[in-house]
Amino acid sequence: MDKRKRLGVAFAIYVVLGMAAWLTMSAEPIALGSNRQISMRLLTEMILALFAVRTLLAWKADQIRTKDEHDAGAVQDLEG
Protein backbone atom coordinates (compact mmCIF):
# COMPACT_ATOMS: atom_id res chain seq x y z
CA MET A 1 0.00 0.00 0.00
CA ASP A 2 1.22 3.49 -0.83
CA LYS A 3 2.55 5.45 2.15
CA ARG A 4 0.20 8.37 1.52
CA LYS A 5 -2.76 6.00 1.42
CA ARG A 6 -1.62 4.37 4.69
CA LEU A 7 -1.43 7.83 6.28
CA GLY A 8 -4.99 8.53 5.18
CA VAL A 9 -6.17 5.22 6.61
CA ALA A 10 -4.40 5.95 9.90
CA PHE A 11 -6.06 9.35 10.20
CA ALA A 12 -9.45 7.86 9.31
CA ILE A 13 -8.97 5.35 12.13
CA TYR A 14 -8.03 8.17 14.52
CA VAL A 15 -11.22 10.01 13.58
CA VAL A 16 -13.35 6.90 14.12
CA LEU A 17 -11.68 6.23 17.47
CA GLY A 18 -12.19 9.85 18.50
CA MET A 19 -15.86 9.77 17.56
CA ALA A 20 -16.38 6.46 19.36
CA ALA A 21 -14.63 7.76 22.46
CA TRP A 22 -16.65 10.98 22.46
CA LEU A 23 -19.97 9.19 22.07
CA THR A 24 -19.36 6.39 24.55
CA MET A 25 -17.29 7.92 27.34
CA SER A 26 -18.59 9.85 30.28
CA ALA A 27 -18.09 13.59 30.49
CA GLU A 28 -17.51 13.29 34.23
CA PRO A 29 -14.44 15.27 35.28
CA ILE A 30 -11.26 13.81 36.73
CA ALA A 31 -9.43 15.79 39.40
CA LEU A 32 -5.90 16.75 38.36
CA GLY A 33 -4.89 18.60 41.46
CA SER A 34 -5.96 21.61 43.40
CA ASN A 35 -9.09 22.98 41.74
CA ARG A 36 -8.21 21.53 38.32
CA GLN A 37 -10.38 19.06 36.46
CA ILE A 38 -10.55 17.57 32.99
CA SER A 39 -13.21 15.37 31.47
CA MET A 40 -12.35 11.80 30.58
CA ARG A 41 -13.57 12.51 27.03
CA LEU A 42 -11.24 15.45 26.58
CA LEU A 43 -8.28 13.56 28.03
CA THR A 44 -8.90 10.69 25.60
CA GLU A 45 -9.23 13.08 22.66
CA MET A 46 -5.98 14.79 23.64
CA ILE A 47 -4.15 11.45 23.74
CA LEU A 48 -5.54 10.49 20.33
CA ALA A 49 -4.48 13.88 18.96
CA LEU A 50 -0.99 13.29 20.35
CA PHE A 51 -0.81 9.96 18.52
CA ALA A 52 -2.09 11.60 15.32
CA VAL A 53 0.61 14.29 15.50
CA ARG A 54 3.23 11.63 16.18
CA THR A 55 2.03 9.66 13.15
CA LEU A 56 2.20 12.77 10.95
CA LEU A 57 5.72 13.61 12.16
CA ALA A 58 6.92 10.05 11.55
CA TRP A 59 5.47 10.13 8.03
CA LYS A 60 7.12 13.48 7.30
CA ALA A 61 10.47 12.26 8.70
CA ASP A 62 10.25 9.20 6.46
CA GLN A 63 9.63 11.45 3.45
CA ILE A 64 12.69 13.55 4.31
CA ARG A 65 14.87 10.45 4.81
CA THR A 66 13.72 8.99 1.50
CA LYS A 67 14.44 12.27 -0.29
CA ASP A 68 17.90 12.50 1.30
CA GLU A 69 18.73 8.92 0.30
CA HIS A 70 17.52 9.61 -3.23
CA ASP A 71 19.60 12.80 -3.45
CA ALA A 72 22.68 11.02 -2.06
CA GLY A 73 22.27 8.28 -4.66
CA ALA A 74 21.99 10.84 -7.45
CA VAL A 75 25.19 12.57 -6.29
CA GLN A 76 27.06 9.24 -6.22
CA ASP A 77 25.82 8.46 -9.73
CA LEU A 78 27.19 11.80 -10.98
CA GLU A 79 30.55 11.28 -9.27
CA GLY A 80 30.96 7.65 -10.26
C-alpha atoms as a PDB file:
ATOM      1  CA  MET A   1       0.000   0.000   0.000  1.00  0.00           C
ATOM      2  CA  ASP A   2       1.222   3.485  -0.831  1.00  0.00           C
ATOM      3  CA  LYS A   3       2.554   5.454   2.146  1.00  0.00           C
ATOM      4  CA  ARG A   4       0.204   8.367   1.519  1.00  0.00           C
ATOM      5  CA  LYS A   5      -2.765   5.997   1.425  1.00  0.00           C
ATOM      6  CA  ARG A   6      -1.620   4.375   4.688  1.00  0.00           C
ATOM      7  CA  LEU A   7      -1.426   7.827   6.279  1.00  0.00           C
ATOM      8  CA  GLY A   8      -4.990   8.530   5.181  1.00  0.00           C
ATOM      9  CA  VAL A   9      -6.174   5.221   6.605  1.00  0.00           C
ATOM     10  CA  ALA A  10      -4.398   5.955   9.897  1.00  0.00           C
ATOM     11  CA  PHE A  11      -6.061   9.349  10.203  1.00  0.00           C
ATOM     12  CA  ALA A  12      -9.453   7.865   9.308  1.00  0.00           C
ATOM     13  CA  ILE A  13      -8.973   5.355  12.132  1.00  0.00           C
ATOM     14  CA  TYR A  14      -8.029   8.171  14.523  1.00  0.00           C
ATOM     15  CA  VAL A  15     -11.224  10.011  13.576  1.00  0.00           C
ATOM     16  CA  VAL A  16     -13.354   6.904  14.120  1.00  0.00           C
ATOM     17  CA  LEU A  17     -11.677   6.235  17.473  1.00  0.00           C
ATOM     18  CA  GLY A  18     -12.189   9.852  18.497  1.00  0.00           C
ATOM     19  CA  MET A  19     -15.856   9.773  17.558  1.00  0.00           C
ATOM     20  CA  ALA A  20     -16.377   6.461  19.359  1.00  0.00           C
ATOM     21  CA  ALA A  21     -14.629   7.764  22.465  1.00  0.00           C
ATOM     22  CA  TRP A  22     -16.646  10.980  22.457  1.00  0.00           C
ATOM     23  CA  LEU A  23     -19.971   9.186  22.067  1.00  0.00           C
ATOM     24  CA  THR A  24     -19.362   6.387  24.550  1.00  0.00           C
ATOM     25  CA  MET A  25     -17.286   7.922  27.336  1.00  0.00           C
ATOM     26  CA  SER A  26     -18.591   9.853  30.284  1.00  0.00           C
ATOM     27  CA  ALA A  27     -18.085  13.591  30.492  1.00  0.00           C
ATOM     28  CA  GLU A  28     -17.505  13.287  34.232  1.00  0.00           C
ATOM     29  CA  PRO A  29     -14.440  15.270  35.282  1.00  0.00           C
ATOM     30  CA  ILE A  30     -11.263  13.813  36.729  1.00  0.00           C
ATOM     31  CA  ALA A  31      -9.430  15.787  39.400  1.00  0.00           C
ATOM     32  CA  LEU A  32      -5.897  16.747  38.360  1.00  0.00           C
ATOM     33  CA  GLY A  33      -4.887  18.602  41.463  1.00  0.00           C
ATOM     34  CA  SER A  34      -5.957  21.607  43.402  1.00  0.00           C
ATOM     35  CA  ASN A  35      -9.086  22.981  41.736  1.00  0.00           C
ATOM     36  CA  ARG A  36      -8.208  21.528  38.317  1.00  0.00           C
ATOM     37  CA  GLN A  37     -10.377  19.062  36.458  1.00  0.00           C
ATOM     38  CA  ILE A  38     -10.546  17.567  32.990  1.00  0.00           C
ATOM     39  CA  SER A  39     -13.212  15.371  31.474  1.00  0.00           C
ATOM     40  CA  MET A  40     -12.353  11.801  30.576  1.00  0.00           C
ATOM     41  CA  ARG A  41     -13.570  12.505  27.030  1.00  0.00           C
ATOM     42  CA  LEU A  42     -11.241  15.446  26.577  1.00  0.00           C
ATOM     43  CA  LEU A  43      -8.280  13.561  28.027  1.00  0.00           C
ATOM     44  CA  THR A  44      -8.902  10.692  25.601  1.00  0.00           C
ATOM     45  CA  GLU A  45      -9.230  13.079  22.660  1.00  0.00           C
ATOM     46  CA  MET A  46      -5.976  14.789  23.637  1.00  0.00           C
ATOM     47  CA  ILE A  47      -4.154  11.451  23.744  1.00  0.00           C
ATOM     48  CA  LEU A  48      -5.545  10.492  20.331  1.00  0.00           C
ATOM     49  CA  ALA A  49      -4.479  13.879  18.960  1.00  0.00           C
ATOM     50  CA  LEU A  50      -0.992  13.289  20.347  1.00  0.00           C
ATOM     51  CA  PHE A  51      -0.806   9.957  18.519  1.00  0.00           C
ATOM     52  CA  ALA A  52      -2.089  11.602  15.320  1.00  0.00           C
ATOM     53  CA  VAL A  53       0.614  14.293  15.498  1.00  0.00           C
ATOM     54  CA  ARG A  54       3.234  11.630  16.180  1.00  0.00           C
ATOM     55  CA  THR A  55       2.026   9.662  13.145  1.00  0.00           C
ATOM     56  CA  LEU A  56       2.197  12.769  10.952  1.00  0.00           C
ATOM     57  CA  LEU A  57       5.717  13.611  12.163  1.00  0.00           C
ATOM     58  CA  ALA A  58       6.922  10.053  11.548  1.00  0.00           C
ATOM     59  CA  TRP A  59       5.466  10.134   8.034  1.00  0.00           C
ATOM     60  CA  LYS A  60       7.123  13.485   7.300  1.00  0.00           C
ATOM     61  CA  ALA A  61      10.470  12.257   8.700  1.00  0.00           C
ATOM     62  CA  ASP A  62      10.245   9.200   6.458  1.00  0.00           C
ATOM     63  CA  GLN A  63       9.632  11.448   3.453  1.00  0.00           C
ATOM     64  CA  ILE A  64      12.694  13.552   4.312  1.00  0.00           C
ATOM     65  CA  ARG A  65      14.872  10.452   4.815  1.00  0.00           C
ATOM     66  CA  THR A  66      13.725   8.987   1.499  1.00  0.00           C
ATOM     67  CA  LYS A  67      14.445  12.272  -0.293  1.00  0.00           C
ATOM     68  CA  ASP A  68      17.904  12.496   1.302  1.00  0.00           C
ATOM     69  CA  GLU A  69      18.726   8.920   0.298  1.00  0.00           C
ATOM     70  CA  HIS A  70      17.521   9.610  -3.234  1.00  0.00           C
ATOM     71  CA  ASP A  71      19.596  12.805  -3.454  1.00  0.00           C
ATOM     72  CA  ALA A  72      22.677  11.021  -2.064  1.00  0.00           C
ATOM     73  CA  GLY A  73      22.275   8.283  -4.658  1.00  0.00           C
ATOM     74  CA  ALA A  74      21.986  10.844  -7.446  1.00  0.00           C
ATOM     75  CA  VAL A  75      25.189  12.572  -6.293  1.00  0.00           C
ATOM     76  CA  GLN A  76      27.061   9.243  -6.218  1.00  0.00           C
ATOM     77  CA  ASP A  77      25.817   8.463  -9.729  1.00  0.00           C
ATOM     78  CA  LEU A  78      27.187  11.801 -10.983  1.00  0.00           C
ATOM     79  CA  GLU A  79      30.552  11.281  -9.274  1.00  0.00           C
ATOM     80  CA  GLY A  80      30.958   7.649 -10.264  1.00  0.00           C
END
